[in-house]
Amino acid sequence: MRPFTLNYTSPKVLRPVVTPYRFDASRQLNVLPDGRPAVSDRDLLLAAGTTTSTAGSQTHFDD
């Protein structure tokens, strides 16, 4: 049985997530398709809130 409240807390269909940036291992930062650092895109930061990746936690002990 599904609790009644779950009908309103989660979407019926999950939308695919498209990340508009990728991690560049040689530069150790997230970059946009045009090569600019992802943190330089104000609209992206406002929409996503952050551009963190998991790479830092794998290479640095203090993340």
C-alpha atoms as a PDB file:
ATOM      1  CA  MET A   1       0.000   0.000   0.000  1.00  0.00           C
ATOM      2  CA  ARG A   2       1.320   3.448  -0.936  1.00  0.00           C
ATOM      3  CA  PRO A   3       0.902   6.182   1.714  1.00  0.00           C
ATOM      4  CA  PHE A   4      -1.477   8.932   0.583  1.00  0.00           C
ATOM      5  CA  THR A   5       1.074  11.720   1.069  1.00  0.00           C
ATOM      6  CA  LEU A   6       3.527  10.178  -1.419  1.00  0.00           C
ATOM      7  CA  ASN A   7       1.069  10.937  -4.212  1.00  0.00           C
ATOM      8  CA  TYR A   8       1.911  14.618  -3.753  1.00  0.00           C
ATOM      9  CA  THR A   9       5.582  14.582  -2.727  1.00  0.00           C
ATOM     10  CA  SER A  10       7.219  13.006  -5.756  1.00  0.00           C
ATOM     11  CA  PRO A  11       6.681  13.506  -9.487  1.00  0.00           C
ATOM     12  CA  LYS A  12       4.945  10.754 -11.444  1.00  0.00           C
ATOM     13  CA  VAL A  13       7.553  10.842 -14.214  1.00  0.00           C
ATOM     14  CA  LEU A  14      11.212  11.624 -13.608  1.00  0.00           C
ATOM     15  CA  ARG A  15      12.738  13.943 -16.184  1.00  0.00           C
ATOM     16  CA  PRO A  16      16.203  13.177 -17.522  1.00  0.00           C
ATOM     17  CA  VAL A  17      18.935  15.408 -16.133  1.00  0.00           C
ATOM     18  CA  VAL A  18      21.355  16.970 -18.587  1.00  0.00           C
ATOM     19  CA  THR A  19      24.510  18.438 -17.126  1.00  0.00           C
ATOM     20  CA  PRO A  20      25.685  21.305 -19.345  1.00  0.00           C
ATOM     21  CA  TYR A  21      29.302  20.914 -18.255  1.00  0.00           C
ATOM     22  CA  ARG A  22      31.920  18.173 -17.966  1.00  0.00           C
ATOM     23  CA  PHE A  23      34.948  17.589 -15.760  1.00  0.00           C
ATOM     24  CA  ASP A  24      38.287  18.360 -17.410  1.00  0.00           C
ATOM     25  CA  ALA A  25      40.875  16.224 -15.617  1.00  0.00           C
ATOM     26  CA  SER A  26      43.852  18.130 -17.012  1.00  0.00           C
ATOM     27  CA  ARG A  27      42.549  21.461 -15.673  1.00  0.00           C
ATOM     28  CA  GLN A  28      40.897  19.917 -12.584  1.00  0.00           C
ATOM     29  CA  LEU A  29      37.652  21.859 -13.058  1.00  0.00           C
ATOM     30  CA  ASN A  30      34.263  21.675 -14.715  1.00  0.00           C
ATOM     31  CA  VAL A  31      34.107  23.247 -18.164  1.00  0.00           C
ATOM     32  CA  LEU A  32      31.330  24.249 -20.539  1.00  0.00           C
ATOM     33  CA  PRO A  33      31.176  22.842 -24.085  1.00  0.00           C
ATOM     34  CA  ASP A  34      32.996  25.960 -25.373  1.00  0.00           C
ATOM     35  CA  GLY A  35      35.904  25.399 -22.942  1.00  0.00           C
ATOM     36  CA  ARG A  36      35.121  28.155 -20.435  1.00  0.00           C
ATOM     37  CA  PRO A  37      35.103  27.238 -16.729  1.00  0.00           C
ATOM     38  CA  ALA A  38      31.556  26.300 -15.657  1.00  0.00           C
ATOM     39  CA  VAL A  39      31.701  28.736 -12.735  1.00  0.00           C
ATOM     40  CA  SER A  40      31.891  31.632 -15.206  1.00  0.00           C
ATOM     41  CA  ASP A  41      28.307  30.999 -16.387  1.00  0.00           C
ATOM     42  CA  ARG A  42      26.058  33.000 -14.072  1.00  0.00           C
ATOM     43  CA  ASP A  43      22.823  31.496 -15.424  1.00  0.00           C
ATOM     44  CA  LEU A  44      24.134  27.972 -14.877  1.00  0.00           C
ATOM     45  CA  LEU A  45      25.073  28.771 -11.286  1.00  0.00           C
ATOM     46  CA  LEU A  46      21.658  30.307 -10.620  1.00  0.00           C
ATOM     47  CA  ALA A  47      19.909  27.228 -12.040  1.00  0.00           C
ATOM     48  CA  ALA A  48      22.137  24.539 -10.529  1.00  0.00           C
ATOM     49  CA  GLY A  49      23.391  26.269  -7.406  1.00  0.00           C
ATOM     50  CA  THR A  50      26.795  24.635  -7.790  1.00  0.00           C
ATOM     51  CA  THR A  51      29.071  22.930 -10.278  1.00  0.00           C
ATOM     52  CA  THR A  52      30.747  20.480  -7.928  1.00  0.00           C
ATOM     53  CA  SER A  53      32.020  17.138  -9.122  1.00  0.00           C
ATOM     54  CA  THR A  54      33.072  13.989  -7.315  1.00  0.00           C
ATOM     55  CA  ALA A  55      36.621  14.233  -8.635  1.00  0.00           C
ATOM     56  CA  GLY A  56      37.792  16.385  -5.731  1.00  0.00           C
ATOM     57  CA  SER A  57      36.804  13.873  -3.109  1.00  0.00           C
ATOM     58  CA  GLN A  58      38.797  11.221  -4.933  1.00  0.00           C
ATOM     59  CA  THR A  59      41.978  13.245  -5.210  1.00  0.00           C
ATOM     60  CA  HIS A  60      42.028  15.419  -2.073  1.00  0.00           C
ATOM     61  CA  PHE A  61      41.720  14.381   1.538  1.00  0.00           C
ATOM     62  CA  ASP A  62      40.145  17.663   2.707  1.00  0.00           C
ATOM     63  CA  ASP A  63      37.060  17.967   0.432  1.00  0.00           C
END
